[in-house]
Structures are given as C-alpha cells and as structure tokens.
Amino acid sequence: MRKTNIEAGHNAAVWEKVTRLHISKIIAELSHEGILQPQLQSMQNGWRYYRLRIERLQTEYRFKAKVMSLQHWVVDPASIEKIVAGDTARLEAMRCIIELNDQIGIAPESLPDYMEEVAGTLYASAYIHGSDALSAEALAQADYQTIERAMTGHPRFIINNGRIGFDMDDYAQYAPEAAAPLSLVWLAGHKSRAEFSSIGELNYQQLLEHELSAADIAGFNERLRSKGLDPADYYFMPVHPWQWYNKLLNILAPDIAANRLVCLGYSEDKYLPQQSIRTFFNNSQPQKYYVKTALAILNMGYVRILSPYFMRTTPAINEWVHAIVTADPYLRQQGFCVLREVAAVGYTNQYYEAALQADSPYKKMLAALWRESPVSMLQPGQRLTTMAALLHTDTSGNTLLPELVKASGLATSAWVRQYLRCYLHPLLHCFYQYDMVFMPHGENIVLVLENNVPVRAIMKDIGEEVTLMNTRISLPENARRIQVEVPDELRTRPIFTQLFDGIFRFIAAILDEQHDLPEPHFWQLVAAGIREYQQQHPALKEKFAKYDLFAERIAPDALNRMQILNSRKLRDRSNPFDVPTIGVVENPVARCSPISNMPQ
C-alpha cells in the first residue's frame, strides 16, 4: 500500500502558516455570522484594529480587519496576536476554538468531534502548503481536473476538510489533493435487497455497457457463476474502496455470507476523487459518468452516506428538472443546463431497517449514482473549471480570479458582467419562472470558459439539492419529495444565502483587494445584472415586486451556526429554510445606482 508523505502535513513552519490562516477564517466567518463580537480599538490607513477578549482566561486576540458589505470580514492573518496576561503567546487553532467556545457555543458532547475536524482541516491545508502546489497564475491555464484537485474546501465552513475516518494511507489514496487515479470496487447486490432506478431513456444493461468494459462484465458474471449464482438475480454497483474495507465487510457480513452481496473485484477504469470526496471523475474515459458513492467518514460536519430511499427517486427528479431546463427558450439561450443523475442503485440492510425506526447513517451505507460528465458538452476551444476556483487562493496568497480576468484580456467589469449573465441570470429565471431553487455554491457549478471568460454555467447535484417552492404544481409521484411549502417572506433567502452571501461577497472582496474593481462597483454590477434580467422578462414583474431582491434588509443563513447547533444534519428537507441567520444586514444592491453612473 502506498504511503503518504506525512511530513508534508506536519512541518512546523507550514503548520504555523496555516494556523494563522485558519484562525483568521475562524474570526472572519464567526464574526460575519455574529457569533463573535470583536471590539473595535482604533482605525488607521483603511484598516480597523480589533480585539477579542476572554476575560476569565486573561486572554485576548488582537488583529486588523476590514468589514465590507454583508458584514464580510477580511482579517489580515499576519496581524493576529494572542496576548495572555500581558505576554505574547503562541497561536493554536484548536486552543482558539476552546478559548472562544463560551461565545461560539459548541455543546460539550459535540466539541471533540468538532476539534478533530479542525485538526483534519488544518492537516489538509498543511499538506497543500507543504507540497508543490500550482500558483494561481498557472492554474488559470490548467485543465479541469488539475484545478479541481487544487481546491481547498468550502469558503464559509470553519471545518471543511476533516475526513475523519481516513488514516494516512487512506488520505494518500482518496483525498483529492493527494490521490493518484484509482479503481473502484464493484459488488453484486441481490435484487431482494437492491433496487435500481434510471431515467426513461436508460436501462440497467445499457448503463453497464456504458460504464464497464466487455471484459469487466464477462469477468463479473463469471465470478457469480463460479459461486453457483445467476447474474440475472443481481444488480452490479460501484463502491468506494474505503467503504468496502472499513464498513461493509463488517456491517453487511451476514449478507456477504449468504451471497446476497458478492464482491466482484475492481473495474478497469481509473477514477479521481472530487472535492465532494465521495464523487469520482472517470480519468480513463472522461466522457463516461461521474460515480457518487456512500462514504461513512465524517466530513464538514456530517457522515457522507447516501440514502437508498433517495436513490429510488433521484433519476426521476433529475428527469423532471432536466425537462424544465431544456424546454425553456431563455435557459437554452443562456447555455444553462444540468448534469443529470441518470441512474442510481441502493442496497437495504434488513437488520438495521428492522432495528431502527428513526433515520440513521447505518441505513445508508450502500448506494451509488451515476451523473453525466460535462466533458461531453464542450465545444472546440472551450474548457471547464469548477466555480469554486473563483475563490481559490494559492499558497503565496494570490487568488485565481484576477489571473483569469487578466488572461482574458477583458476589463474586470466586462468579465464580471459576462459571468453574471451565465450564472446569476439562469438562477433568477429558475426562481421567478418556476419557483425552483438550487444550491449553487462553488463546488456545485461548473463554468465553461472560452478564452478564460465564462460562457455558460452547468448545475450539478440535483437530486439532493433542488427545491420546488410550489406545492400546487403536479409532479410525477417519484419526484414529489422536492416540493416544499415555503412562506413568501422566506422565498428569496436561498438567493441571498447561496449567491450573495455564499459567492458574491467573496468575489467582491477579492476584486477589491487584489484587482482593480472597488467593492461598491461589484455590487453595482450585480444590481445591474438583476435589472437586466427583469427588463428581459416584463411578464414576471408582479413576482419581481413580491419577491424583491432590492429589499433594504436581508438575513442570509448562518452555515457555521447551523453546523454548531446540529453537526449531523444541516437542513431538514421538509423545512429547509427554518434555520438560523447571520442577523439582519443591509442588502448591498438595495441602493445601487444605475450602471451608467459607474466607470467602465
């Protein structure tokens, strides 16, 4: 088994560097959500000087920061000092969490898990900073998978790369920043326990022939026949190798002994893990489907399992959403599309089903789905990037977005306008025309670039993260779980949370700090983008007034607070918007003047 270079994540100088970066993120994001309340001490040269005081410990953290729209904190990592009883003390991220926990409010029973995820997140950051990572300038010219593996996790969550359950060998094999191409394990699940579902145009045999070689299929069938079993009685399913060796061999041992579950071996194709950790890109044949598998590690606050129940309906939901998107002339004009999850398979563990009435990760240990690849959707001269790349900062502190803008040859404002047409406009249309919202954070959007300029956006992760806020629309029975009754006053919150707070505030700060676009001008561009869409669709003017994106005050979701309150389940699917917020803040587009008043 290949050993990882553990020193890459344990170098003292690197650890000190990533500790400063992580503490700056702790302060910035928890202050953004109102969990921490730094005290302003003074102002100088555009910076504000703050302290966070822990009276009972005679301890305080001092730092300088800028506070921008949406209560976005830009904390200077180099400025952070820890003072204990008047003396300078060493910075430690985990101790910082402990010291501030009276204000943060992590429950005692949850604190050990949270701290372990902080340690895991720090290790992943140290691994990247201690390795030969590509610069932002180099990534601006890199291919899709090179960019994907360079990403460093969710911009908002304090714990975003914990991977609790992986040992160091696992980290080397399965963490996206470290992994080499690997094979997947395939199992055969007896049809008395396994269930397959797919979109209408794809059946089980077609899926196998698309995903497996003729030699794979013949070998797997022979494996079953050699045990006196009929392949027609089974569904083949891919599993994450870690899941097979660390969970399924034990939890499903009775089913394995009874030949209800049979290990078929590895398939020929090699895959690369994606940032979502349980999704794989086919590196051997990129036009083939992504494979998403259950993975019972703790990462970003919850166990990354996959529900067999959701798998039953996921293709039908994707089929319905895909039909809406492809039939809409405006969305087609914008080039917006979804990556369909075309097929899924789930295996039910009869013992845990009988023993547990409530929801449990143990019921969701074996399932997989297949998702379309965006590679097959490219035209000549186009390339792909994850939208998370727009927020990526390299190990020297340089961000990728300004490098993309620079390489495009466009003025920054022109680049941003084109990005907003690709990303913002289609999402506004889905919301206003169809009462449909996605979770379009950086990892869920693939951007198609031409000459380093976005020309279209592709949405993924449909089955688990689309919500239809209209219960009067008639849906197929197996797609109805996406329908949620949402009060009118909460309907715009996904836009303000996912777009404004989740992406735009970071882009605004990056372009203000490292490029030539002042933050107010960025928000003017966003406001102009909204107006442009509204002018193109006058028939929706009543909805524009009812669900007003220019409201004076907004209250986006507080993701870290959600994670702290319930580290095992961020959202209730039946009521996804009944969650804590960052508090009421001024809407940065509310008072924006028409774009004609802004410098080009």
Foldseek 3Di string as FASTA:
>chain_A
DDFDPLVLLVPPVLLLVLLLVLVQLVVQQCVLLVLFDWDFDDDDPQKTWTKGDQPVQQKIWIWIWHQDASRGIDTDSVGIFMAGPRHTDRGDNLVVCVSCCVSNVFDPVCSVVVSLLLVQLSSLSSNQLSDPQDALLVVLVDAALSQQLNFRAASNFSRFGNQAPDDRVSCQDQRQVRHDWDWWWKKWAFPVFKDKDFAPVDDQVNLCVQPAPPVLVVQLQVVQVVVVHHSVRTRMDTAHVCLVVPPCCPLVVVCCVVVNMGTRGTGDWTWGAGSVRQWTQGPRDRQFWIKGWQAQTQGSQAGRFAAQLLQRQQNQQLVVVQVVQVVDPLSVVLVEGEWGQGMKMFGADVVCVVVDPDDDSSRGSGMMTTTGGCVVVDDPQKGKYQQSQQLDAHSVGAHNNVSLVVQLPDDPLVLLLQVCSAPVLVQVCCCLVFVKHFLPARRQKMFMDHSSGGRHIYGYPRSPTMARCDQVDDGPPSNNLRYEPDDLVCSCQSVCARPVVRPQVSSLVNCCPPHDAHSLLSLLSVLQSVVVSCVVCVVSVVVCVSNPLLDQKDWHASQNSLCSVRSHDSADSRHRRPGHTSDIGGRSNNPRDHNVPPDD
